[in-house]
């Protein structure tokens, strides 16, 4: 039997997945293995406190990819703000040397990339399904 990854609430059942990418400020190569490990630990804490589940996290030296799942009342922008603010604060606390690399500024750029991820079909499959209704 296949696992059901939907989030169940009183009046709804949802499966909202987002691929989100954050570049490091100035595209600096600030994500070391130690920083990545801290970031993943912080994300576990975020998922316990907020309705943001981290399905997958992958880091490169100057950016990070998240596959997240959340609930309808939490916008992508809210998810991004929550993750960025908490992770940046905790990374600077655990790794003060990173702040020097970034000239004492922010850890993340102000921008981000976000895209929805479908489990049950891509745009064309769903378009054809709706067309045939």
Protein backbone atom coordinates (compact mmCIF):
# COMPACT_ATOMS: atom_id res chain seq x y z
CA UNK A 1 0.00 0.00 0.00
CA UNK A 2 1.35 3.42 -1.00
CA UNK A 3 1.97 6.00 1.72
CA UNK A 4 -0.45 8.96 1.67
CA UNK A 5 1.56 12.17 1.96
CA UNK A 6 -1.47 14.46 2.09
CA UNK A 7 -1.96 16.83 5.01
CA UNK A 8 -5.36 16.27 6.59
CA UNK A 9 -7.20 19.11 8.31
CA UNK A 10 -10.76 19.35 9.56
CA UNK A 11 -12.29 20.37 6.21
CA UNK A 12 -9.58 19.68 3.66
CA UNK A 13 -6.96 17.31 2.39
CA UNK A 14 -3.99 18.84 0.57
CA UNK A 15 -0.71 17.95 -1.06
CA UNK A 16 1.04 21.26 -1.75
CA UNK A 17 4.67 20.80 -2.76
CA UNK A 18 7.07 23.60 -3.65
CA UNK A 19 10.58 23.58 -5.08
CA UNK A 20 12.26 26.63 -3.56
CA UNK A 21 15.80 27.90 -4.21
CA UNK A 22 17.67 30.52 -2.17
CA UNK A 23 20.95 31.98 -3.41
CA UNK A 24 23.52 33.11 -0.86
CA UNK A 25 24.00 36.90 -0.82
CA UNK A 26 26.46 38.03 -3.52
CA UNK A 27 26.51 34.38 -4.66
CA UNK A 28 29.33 33.82 -2.19
CA UNK A 29 30.39 30.21 -1.65
CA UNK A 30 29.41 30.23 2.02
CA UNK A 31 27.65 26.87 2.32
CA UNK A 32 30.29 24.52 3.67
CA UNK A 33 29.50 21.00 4.83
CA UNK A 34 29.25 22.30 8.42
CA UNK A 35 26.89 25.12 7.39
CA UNK A 36 24.78 22.66 5.39
CA UNK A 37 24.50 20.35 8.42
CA UNK A 38 23.47 23.28 10.64
CA UNK A 39 20.94 24.37 8.05
CA UNK A 40 19.39 20.89 7.91
CA UNK A 41 19.17 20.72 11.72
CA UNK A 42 17.52 24.14 11.82
CA UNK A 43 15.00 23.00 9.19
CA UNK A 44 14.03 20.06 11.41
CA UNK A 45 13.25 22.60 14.14
CA UNK A 46 11.27 24.75 11.71
CA UNK A 47 9.15 21.76 10.67
CA UNK A 48 8.30 21.06 14.31
CA UNK A 49 7.25 24.66 14.96
CA UNK A 50 5.58 25.62 11.67
CA UNK A 51 3.49 23.73 9.15
CA UNK A 52 6.41 23.41 6.76
CA UNK A 53 7.67 19.92 5.98
CA UNK A 54 11.06 19.51 4.32
CA UNK A 55 10.81 16.60 1.89
CA UNK A 56 14.34 17.13 0.54
CA UNK A 57 17.18 19.61 1.03
CA UNK A 58 20.14 19.90 -1.34
CA UNK A 59 22.95 22.42 -1.11
CA UNK A 60 25.57 23.78 -3.44
CA UNK A 61 28.29 26.14 -2.23
CA UNK A 62 26.32 29.28 -3.18
CA UNK A 63 22.65 28.26 -3.12
CA UNK A 64 20.24 25.75 -1.61
CA UNK A 65 17.26 23.79 -2.93
CA UNK A 66 14.28 22.81 -0.80
CA UNK A 67 11.40 20.52 -1.66
CA UNK A 68 8.81 21.63 0.88
CA UNK A 69 5.24 20.74 1.71
CA UNK A 70 2.87 23.09 3.50
CA UNK A 71 -0.77 24.00 4.07
CA UNK A 72 -3.07 26.29 2.02
CA UNK A 73 -3.17 29.12 4.57
CA UNK A 74 0.60 29.55 4.31
CA UNK A 75 1.69 31.39 1.16
CA UNK A 76 4.95 30.65 -0.61
CA UNK A 77 6.18 34.07 0.50
CA UNK A 78 5.42 33.24 4.16
CA UNK A 79 7.25 29.93 3.80
CA UNK A 80 10.26 31.68 2.26
CA UNK A 81 10.37 34.44 4.90
CA UNK A 82 10.12 31.92 7.72
CA UNK A 83 12.88 29.67 6.39
CA UNK A 84 15.20 32.54 5.41
CA UNK A 85 14.95 34.46 8.67
CA UNK A 86 15.38 31.49 11.00
CA UNK A 87 18.13 29.74 9.02
CA UNK A 88 20.17 32.94 8.55
CA UNK A 89 20.01 33.80 12.25
CA UNK A 90 21.03 30.30 13.32
CA UNK A 91 23.81 29.97 10.72
CA UNK A 92 25.37 33.26 11.84
CA UNK A 93 25.08 32.15 15.47
CA UNK A 94 26.69 28.74 14.85
CA UNK A 95 29.21 29.90 12.23
CA UNK A 96 30.34 33.50 12.92
CA UNK A 97 33.06 33.18 10.27
CA UNK A 98 30.33 33.19 7.60
CA UNK A 99 29.33 36.76 8.48
CA UNK A 100 32.88 37.88 7.57
CA UNK A 101 32.61 36.22 4.15
CA UNK A 102 29.40 38.20 3.56
CA UNK A 103 30.88 41.51 4.78
CA UNK A 104 28.60 41.54 7.82
CA UNK A 105 25.44 41.56 5.72
CA UNK A 106 22.56 39.17 5.13
CA UNK A 107 23.04 35.47 4.49
CA UNK A 108 20.41 35.12 1.75
CA UNK A 109 19.62 37.37 -1.21
CA UNK A 110 16.26 39.11 -1.09
CA UNK A 111 15.03 37.03 -4.03
CA UNK A 112 14.16 33.37 -4.44
CA UNK A 113 12.91 30.86 -7.00
CA UNK A 114 9.71 28.90 -6.34
CA UNK A 115 7.77 26.40 -8.41
CA UNK A 116 4.91 24.07 -7.63
CA UNK A 117 5.57 20.35 -7.88
CA UNK A 118 2.83 17.95 -8.91
CA UNK A 119 2.64 14.35 -7.81
CA UNK A 120 -0.34 13.41 -9.92
CA UNK A 121 0.52 14.76 -13.34
CA UNK A 122 2.10 17.62 -15.16
CA UNK A 123 0.38 20.65 -16.65
CA UNK A 124 -0.47 18.95 -19.94
CA UNK A 125 -1.95 15.83 -18.29
CA UNK A 126 -4.16 17.94 -16.01
CA UNK A 127 -5.17 20.30 -18.85
CA UNK A 128 -6.35 17.31 -20.92
CA UNK A 129 -8.17 15.79 -17.94
CA UNK A 130 -10.08 19.05 -17.34
CA UNK A 131 -10.77 19.47 -21.06
CA UNK A 132 -12.52 16.07 -21.12
CA UNK A 133 -14.85 16.83 -18.19
